[in-house]
Every structure is written in structure tokens, then in C-alpha cells.
Amino acid sequence: TPTVLYNAMIHPLIPYSIRGVIWYQGESNDKKAR
């Protein structure tokens, strides 16, 4: 469901200071790669 992981798993972490992000994702979007 759009936004639900941002709401529960990213938003509560803000504004904890971070240097950056590492990200491994994309397999679940391959049918809409464009």
C-alpha cells in the first residue's frame, strides 16, 4: 500500500541525524520500471 512504510518505518526516525542512506530495492517495481 503506498506510503504505509514511510509512515510507520521512516517518519518516526526523523529528524535523527544521519550521514546518509544505503538502499537495496527494485525487484518489486520491475513491472513498472518506466
All heavy atoms as atom14 arrays in JSON, in Angstrom:
{
  "sequence": "TPTVLYNAMIHPLIPYSIRGVIWYQGESNDKKAR",
  "atom14_mask": [
    [1, 1, 1, 1, 1, 1, 1, 0, 0, 0, 0, 0, 0, 0],
    [1, 1, 1, 1, 1, 1, 1, 0, 0, 0, 0, 0, 0, 0],
    [1, 1, 1, 1, 1, 1, 1, 0, 0, 0, 0, 0, 0, 0],
    [1, 1, 1, 1, 1, 1, 1, 0, 0, 0, 0, 0, 0, 0],
    [1, 1, 1, 1, 1, 1, 1, 1, 0, 0, 0, 0, 0, 0],
    [1, 1, 1, 1, 1, 1, 1, 1, 1, 1, 1, 1, 0, 0],
    [1, 1, 1, 1, 1, 1, 1, 1, 0, 0, 0, 0, 0, 0],
    [1, 1, 1, 1, 1, 0, 0, 0, 0, 0, 0, 0, 0, 0],
    [1, 1, 1, 1, 1, 1, 1, 1, 0, 0, 0, 0, 0, 0],
    [1, 1, 1, 1, 1, 1, 1, 1, 0, 0, 0, 0, 0, 0],
    [1, 1, 1, 1, 1, 1, 1, 1, 1, 1, 0, 0, 0, 0],
    [1, 1, 1, 1, 1, 1, 1, 0, 0, 0, 0, 0, 0, 0],
    [1, 1, 1, 1, 1, 1, 1, 1, 0, 0, 0, 0, 0, 0],
    [1, 1, 1, 1, 1, 1, 1, 1, 0, 0, 0, 0, 0, 0],
    [1, 1, 1, 1, 1, 1, 1, 0, 0, 0, 0, 0, 0, 0],
    [1, 1, 1, 1, 1, 1, 1, 1, 1, 1, 1, 1, 0, 0],
    [1, 1, 1, 1, 1, 1, 0, 0, 0, 0, 0, 0, 0, 0],
    [1, 1, 1, 1, 1, 1, 1, 1, 0, 0, 0, 0, 0, 0],
    [1, 1, 1, 1, 1, 1, 1, 1, 1, 1, 1, 0, 0, 0],
    [1, 1, 1, 1, 0, 0, 0, 0, 0, 0, 0, 0, 0, 0],
    [1, 1, 1, 1, 1, 1, 1, 0, 0, 0, 0, 0, 0, 0],
    [1, 1, 1, 1, 1, 1, 1, 1, 0, 0, 0, 0, 0, 0],
    [1, 1, 1, 1, 1, 1, 1, 1, 1, 1, 1, 1, 1, 1],
    [1, 1, 1, 1, 1, 1, 1, 1, 1, 1, 1, 1, 0, 0],
    [1, 1, 1, 1, 1, 1, 1, 1, 1, 0, 0, 0, 0, 0],
    [1, 1, 1, 1, 0, 0, 0, 0, 0, 0, 0, 0, 0, 0],
    [1, 1, 1, 1, 1, 1, 1, 1, 1, 0, 0, 0, 0, 0],
    [1, 1, 1, 1, 1, 1, 0, 0, 0, 0, 0, 0, 0, 0],
    [1, 1, 1, 1, 1, 1, 1, 1, 0, 0, 0, 0, 0, 0],
    [1, 1, 1, 1, 1, 1, 1, 1, 0, 0, 0, 0, 0, 0],
    [1, 1, 1, 1, 1, 1, 1, 1, 1, 0, 0, 0, 0, 0],
    [1, 1, 1, 1, 1, 1, 1, 1, 1, 0, 0, 0, 0, 0],
    [1, 1, 1, 1, 1, 0, 0, 0, 0, 0, 0, 0, 0, 0],
    [1, 1, 1, 1, 1, 1, 1, 1, 1, 1, 1, 0, 0, 0]
  ],
  "atom14_positions": [
    [[0.84, -1.19, 0.0], [0.0, 0.0, 0.0], [0.88, 1.25, 0.0], [1.77, 1.36, 0.84], [-0.91, 0.01, 1.24], [-1.64, -1.21, 1.3], [-1.88, 1.18, 1.19], [0.0, 0.0, 0.0], [0.0, 0.0, 0.0], [0.0, 0.0, 0.0], [0.0, 0.0, 0.0], [0.0, 0.0, 0.0], [0.0, 0.0, 0.0], [0.0, 0.0, 0.0]],
    [[0.67, 2.18, -0.91], [1.51, 3.38, -0.97], [1.55, 4.14, 0.35], [0.53, 4.25, 1.04], [0.85, 4.22, -2.07], [0.21, 3.2, -2.96], [-0.29, 2.13, -2.04], [0.0, 0.0, 0.0], [0.0, 0.0, 0.0], [0.0, 0.0, 0.0], [0.0, 0.0, 0.0], [0.0, 0.0, 0.0], [0.0, 0.0, 0.0], [0.0, 0.0, 0.0]],
    [[2.71, 4.6, 0.72], [3.03, 5.46, 1.88], [3.09, 4.75, 3.23], [3.62, 5.31, 4.18], [2.05, 6.66, 2.04], [0.84, 6.23, 2.64], [1.78, 7.33, 0.72], [0.0, 0.0, 0.0], [0.0, 0.0, 0.0], [0.0, 0.0, 0.0], [0.0, 0.0, 0.0], [0.0, 0.0, 0.0], [0.0, 0.0, 0.0], [0.0, 0.0, 0.0]],
    [[2.58, 3.52, 3.34], [2.4, 2.93, 4.67], [3.71, 2.58, 5.37], [3.78, 2.57, 6.6], [1.49, 1.69, 4.62], [0.09, 2.07, 4.14], [2.09, 0.57, 3.76], [0.0, 0.0, 0.0], [0.0, 0.0, 0.0], [0.0, 0.0, 0.0], [0.0, 0.0, 0.0], [0.0, 0.0, 0.0], [0.0, 0.0, 0.0], [0.0, 0.0, 0.0]],
    [[4.76, 2.31, 4.61], [6.06, 2.03, 5.24], [6.79, 3.31, 5.59], [7.47, 3.39, 6.62], [6.92, 1.15, 4.33], [6.34, -0.24, 4.05], [7.31, -1.07, 3.21], [6.02, -0.97, 5.35], [0.0, 0.0, 0.0], [0.0, 0.0, 0.0], [0.0, 0.0, 0.0], [0.0, 0.0, 0.0], [0.0, 0.0, 0.0], [0.0, 0.0, 0.0]],
    [[6.63, 4.33, 4.76], [7.14, 5.64, 5.15], [6.51, 6.06, 6.48], [7.21, 6.49, 7.4], [6.87, 6.7, 4.09], [7.17, 8.08, 4.61], [8.47, 8.59, 4.59], [6.16, 8.86, 5.21], [8.76, 9.83, 5.14], [6.44, 10.1, 5.76], [7.74, 10.57, 5.72], [8.03, 11.8, 6.29], [0.0, 0.0, 0.0], [0.0, 0.0, 0.0]],
    [[5.21, 5.95, 6.58], [4.5, 6.39, 7.78], [4.97, 5.68, 9.04], [5.12, 6.31, 10.1], [3.0, 6.15, 7.61], [2.36, 7.07, 6.6], [2.89, 8.13, 6.29], [1.22, 6.66, 6.06], [0.0, 0.0, 0.0], [0.0, 0.0, 0.0], [0.0, 0.0, 0.0], [0.0, 0.0, 0.0], [0.0, 0.0, 0.0], [0.0, 0.0, 0.0]],
    [[5.2, 4.36, 8.93], [5.48, 3.56, 10.12], [6.96, 3.36, 10.39], [7.37, 3.18, 11.55], [4.81, 2.19, 9.99], [0.0, 0.0, 0.0], [0.0, 0.0, 0.0], [0.0, 0.0, 0.0], [0.0, 0.0, 0.0], [0.0, 0.0, 0.0], [0.0, 0.0, 0.0], [0.0, 0.0, 0.0], [0.0, 0.0, 0.0], [0.0, 0.0, 0.0]],
    [[7.81, 3.4, 9.34], [9.2, 2.96, 9.5], [10.24, 4.02, 9.11], [11.43, 3.79, 9.32], [9.43, 1.67, 8.7], [8.54, 0.52, 9.15], [8.78, -1.0, 8.18], [10.46, -1.47, 8.67], [0.0, 0.0, 0.0], [0.0, 0.0, 0.0], [0.0, 0.0, 0.0], [0.0, 0.0, 0.0], [0.0, 0.0, 0.0], [0.0, 0.0, 0.0]],
    [[9.8, 5.14, 8.54], [10.73, 6.23, 8.21], [10.38, 7.5, 9.0], [11.22, 8.09, 9.67], [10.73, 6.54, 6.7], [11.26, 5.33, 5.93], [11.59, 7.77, 6.41], [12.69, 4.95, 6.23], [0.0, 0.0, 0.0], [0.0, 0.0, 0.0], [0.0, 0.0, 0.0], [0.0, 0.0, 0.0], [0.0, 0.0, 0.0], [0.0, 0.0, 0.0]],
    [[9.13, 7.91, 8.93], [8.71, 9.16, 9.59], [9.09, 9.21, 11.07], [9.55, 10.27, 11.56], [7.2, 9.36, 9.42], [6.72, 10.69, 9.89], [6.25, 10.9, 11.17], [6.66, 11.9, 9.26], [5.91, 12.16, 11.31], [6.14, 12.79, 10.18], [0.0, 0.0, 0.0], [0.0, 0.0, 0.0], [0.0, 0.0, 0.0], [0.0, 0.0, 0.0]],
    [[8.94, 8.11, 11.84], [9.29, 8.19, 13.25], [10.79, 8.38, 13.51], [11.18, 8.72, 14.63], [8.84, 6.82, 13.8], [7.86, 6.3, 12.81], [8.33, 6.81, 11.49], [0.0, 0.0, 0.0], [0.0, 0.0, 0.0], [0.0, 0.0, 0.0], [0.0, 0.0, 0.0], [0.0, 0.0, 0.0], [0.0, 0.0, 0.0], [0.0, 0.0, 0.0]],
    [[11.62, 8.16, 12.49], [13.07, 8.3, 12.66], [13.54, 9.73, 12.45], [14.67, 10.08, 12.81], [13.8, 7.37, 11.69], [13.36, 5.9, 11.67], [14.16, 5.14, 10.65], [13.49, 5.28, 13.05], [0.0, 0.0, 0.0], [0.0, 0.0, 0.0], [0.0, 0.0, 0.0], [0.0, 0.0, 0.0], [0.0, 0.0, 0.0], [0.0, 0.0, 0.0]],
    [[12.71, 10.54, 11.85], [13.06, 11.92, 11.54], [12.82, 12.79, 12.78], [11.77, 12.64, 13.42], [12.2, 12.44, 10.36], [12.41, 11.54, 9.13], [12.51, 13.88, 10.03], [11.39, 11.77, 8.03], [0.0, 0.0, 0.0], [0.0, 0.0, 0.0], [0.0, 0.0, 0.0], [0.0, 0.0, 0.0], [0.0, 0.0, 0.0], [0.0, 0.0, 0.0]],
    [[13.76, 13.64, 13.19], [14.97, 14.09, 12.49], [16.26, 13.52, 13.07], [17.25, 14.26, 13.21], [14.9, 15.59, 12.7], [14.37, 15.71, 14.13], [13.42, 14.55, 14.31], [0.0, 0.0, 0.0], [0.0, 0.0, 0.0], [0.0, 0.0, 0.0], [0.0, 0.0, 0.0], [0.0, 0.0, 0.0], [0.0, 0.0, 0.0], [0.0, 0.0, 0.0]],
    [[16.31, 12.25, 13.46], [17.55, 11.67, 13.97], [18.66, 11.89, 12.95], [18.53, 11.52, 11.79], [17.37, 10.17, 14.23], [18.44, 9.55, 15.09], [18.29, 9.47, 16.47], [19.6, 9.05, 14.53], [19.26, 8.89, 17.27], [20.59, 8.47, 15.32], [20.41, 8.39, 16.68], [21.38, 7.82, 17.48], [0.0, 0.0, 0.0], [0.0, 0.0, 0.0]],
    [[19.75, 12.48, 13.36], [20.8, 12.9, 12.43], [21.51, 11.69, 11.82], [21.98, 10.81, 12.55], [21.82, 13.8, 13.13], [21.21, 15.0, 13.53], [0.0, 0.0, 0.0], [0.0, 0.0, 0.0], [0.0, 0.0, 0.0], [0.0, 0.0, 0.0], [0.0, 0.0, 0.0], [0.0, 0.0, 0.0], [0.0, 0.0, 0.0], [0.0, 0.0, 0.0]],
    [[21.59, 11.67, 10.5], [22.26, 10.58, 9.79], [23.2, 11.16, 8.75], [23.01, 12.27, 8.26], [21.24, 9.64, 9.1], [20.37, 10.41, 8.09], [20.36, 8.93, 10.12], [19.41, 9.54, 7.29], [0.0, 0.0, 0.0], [0.0, 0.0, 0.0], [0.0, 0.0, 0.0], [0.0, 0.0, 0.0], [0.0, 0.0, 0.0], [0.0, 0.0, 0.0]],
    [[24.25, 10.39, 8.44], [25.16, 10.78, 7.37], [24.52, 10.53, 6.01], [24.66, 11.31, 5.08], [26.47, 10.01, 7.48], [27.38, 10.13, 6.25], [27.82, 11.54, 5.98], [28.83, 11.97, 6.94], [29.37, 13.18, 6.95], [28.97, 14.08, 6.06], [30.28, 13.51, 7.84], [0.0, 0.0, 0.0], [0.0, 0.0, 0.0], [0.0, 0.0, 0.0]],
    [[23.82, 9.39, 5.9], [23.23, 9.06, 4.61], [22.44, 7.77, 4.66], [22.17, 7.21, 5.73], [0.0, 0.0, 0.0], [0.0, 0.0, 0.0], [0.0, 0.0, 0.0], [0.0, 0.0, 0.0], [0.0, 0.0, 0.0], [0.0, 0.0, 0.0], [0.0, 0.0, 0.0], [0.0, 0.0, 0.0], [0.0, 0.0, 0.0], [0.0, 0.0, 0.0]],
    [[22.08, 7.31, 3.47], [21.22, 6.15, 3.3], [21.91, 5.16, 2.37], [22.51, 5.55, 1.37], [19.86, 6.55, 2.67], [18.98, 5.33, 2.42], [19.14, 7.57, 3.56], [0.0, 0.0, 0.0], [0.0, 0.0, 0.0], [0.0, 0.0, 0.0], [0.0, 0.0, 0.0], [0.0, 0.0, 0.0], [0.0, 0.0, 0.0], [0.0, 0.0, 0.0]],
    [[21.81, 3.87, 2.7], [22.11, 2.82, 1.72], [20.81, 2.07, 1.45], [20.02, 1.81, 2.36], [23.25, 1.89, 2.16], [22.96, 1.22, 3.51], [24.56, 2.64, 2.19], [23.98, 0.15, 3.87], [0.0, 0.0, 0.0], [0.0, 0.0, 0.0], [0.0, 0.0, 0.0], [0.0, 0.0, 0.0], [0.0, 0.0, 0.0], [0.0, 0.0, 0.0]],
    [[20.59, 1.72, 0.2], [19.28, 1.27, -0.27], [19.45, 0.09, -1.23], [20.28, 0.15, -2.15], [18.61, 2.45, -0.98], [17.32, 2.19, -1.7], [17.15, 1.92, -3.02], [15.99, 2.23, -1.14], [15.82, 1.79, -3.33], [15.08, 1.98, -2.19], [15.49, 2.47, 0.14], [13.7, 1.95, -2.01], [14.12, 2.44, 0.32], [13.24, 2.18, -0.73]],
    [[18.69, -0.97, -1.0], [18.69, -2.13, -1.92], [17.23, -2.5, -2.13], [16.59, -3.09, -1.29], [19.47, -3.29, -1.31], [19.86, -4.39, -2.28], [20.93, -5.23, -2.0], [19.18, -4.61, -3.47], [21.31, -6.26, -2.86], [19.55, -5.62, -4.35], [20.62, -6.44, -4.03], [20.98, -7.46, -4.89], [0.0, 0.0, 0.0], [0.0, 0.0, 0.0]],
    [[16.71, -2.12, -3.3], [15.29, -2.32, -3.59], [15.09, -2.16, -5.08], [15.91, -1.56, -5.78], [14.44, -1.3, -2.81], [12.94, -1.51, -2.82], [12.26, -0.94, -4.06], [12.77, -0.03, -4.69], [11.1, -1.47, -4.4], [0.0, 0.0, 0.0], [0.0, 0.0, 0.0], [0.0, 0.0, 0.0], [0.0, 0.0, 0.0], [0.0, 0.0, 0.0]],
    [[14.0, -2.68, -5.6], [13.67, -2.51, -7.01], [13.01, -3.73, -7.61], [12.27, -3.62, -8.59], [0.0, 0.0, 0.0], [0.0, 0.0, 0.0], [0.0, 0.0, 0.0], [0.0, 0.0, 0.0], [0.0, 0.0, 0.0], [0.0, 0.0, 0.0], [0.0, 0.0, 0.0], [0.0, 0.0, 0.0], [0.0, 0.0, 0.0], [0.0, 0.0, 0.0]],
    [[13.26, -4.89, -7.02], [12.68, -6.12, -7.57], [11.15, -6.04, -7.64], [10.54, -6.55, -8.59], [13.09, -7.33, -6.71], [14.59, -7.59, -6.66], [15.28, -6.89, -5.49], [14.73, -5.89, -4.98], [16.37, -7.36, -5.1], [0.0, 0.0, 0.0], [0.0, 0.0, 0.0], [0.0, 0.0, 0.0], [0.0, 0.0, 0.0], [0.0, 0.0, 0.0]],
    [[10.53, -5.38, -6.67], [9.07, -5.3, -6.63], [8.5, -4.21, -7.52], [7.28, -4.05, -7.58], [8.59, -5.08, -5.18], [8.83, -6.22, -4.39], [0.0, 0.0, 0.0], [0.0, 0.0, 0.0], [0.0, 0.0, 0.0], [0.0, 0.0, 0.0], [0.0, 0.0, 0.0], [0.0, 0.0, 0.0], [0.0, 0.0, 0.0], [0.0, 0.0, 0.0]],
    [[9.36, -3.48, -8.21], [8.89, -2.43, -9.13], [9.22, -2.72, -10.58], [9.04, -1.86, -11.44], [9.5, -1.08, -8.75], [8.9, -0.47, -7.5], [9.36, -0.74, -6.4], [7.86, 0.33, -7.65], [0.0, 0.0, 0.0], [0.0, 0.0, 0.0], [0.0, 0.0, 0.0], [0.0, 0.0, 0.0], [0.0, 0.0, 0.0], [0.0, 0.0, 0.0]],
    [[9.7, -3.94, -10.87], [10.22, -4.18, -12.22], [9.14, -4.1, -13.29], [9.42, -3.72, -14.42], [10.94, -5.54, -12.3], [9.99, -6.72, -12.29], [9.15, -6.81, -11.37], [10.07, -7.56, -13.21], [0.0, 0.0, 0.0], [0.0, 0.0, 0.0], [0.0, 0.0, 0.0], [0.0, 0.0, 0.0], [0.0, 0.0, 0.0], [0.0, 0.0, 0.0]],
    [[7.9, -4.4, -12.96], [6.84, -4.34, -13.97], [6.46, -2.9, -14.31], [5.77, -2.65, -15.3], [5.59, -5.09, -13.47], [5.82, -6.58, -13.2], [6.25, -7.32, -14.46], [6.31, -8.82, -14.25], [7.32, -9.22, -13.26], [0.0, 0.0, 0.0], [0.0, 0.0, 0.0], [0.0, 0.0, 0.0], [0.0, 0.0, 0.0], [0.0, 0.0, 0.0]],
    [[6.89, -1.95, -13.48], [6.64, -0.54, -13.73], [7.96, 0.23, -13.71], [8.08, 1.29, -13.09], [5.66, 0.04, -12.7], [4.25, -0.54, -12.82], [3.28, 0.17, -11.89], [1.86, -0.34, -12.09], [0.89, 0.37, -11.21], [0.0, 0.0, 0.0], [0.0, 0.0, 0.0], [0.0, 0.0, 0.0], [0.0, 0.0, 0.0], [0.0, 0.0, 0.0]],
    [[8.94, -0.32, -14.42], [10.27, 0.28, -14.4], [10.28, 1.68, -14.98], [11.04, 2.55, -14.53], [11.25, -0.62, -15.16], [0.0, 0.0, 0.0], [0.0, 0.0, 0.0], [0.0, 0.0, 0.0], [0.0, 0.0, 0.0], [0.0, 0.0, 0.0], [0.0, 0.0, 0.0], [0.0, 0.0, 0.0], [0.0, 0.0, 0.0], [0.0, 0.0, 0.0]],
    [[9.47, 1.92, -16.0], [9.43, 3.27, -16.58], [8.96, 4.28, -15.54], [9.5, 5.39, -15.44], [8.51, 3.3, -17.8], [8.52, 4.64, -18.52], [7.76, 4.59, -19.82], [6.33, 4.38, -19.63], [5.44, 4.3, -20.62], [5.86, 4.38, -21.87], [4.17, 4.12, -20.37], [0.0, 0.0, 0.0], [0.0, 0.0, 0.0], [0.0, 0.0, 0.0]]
  ]
}
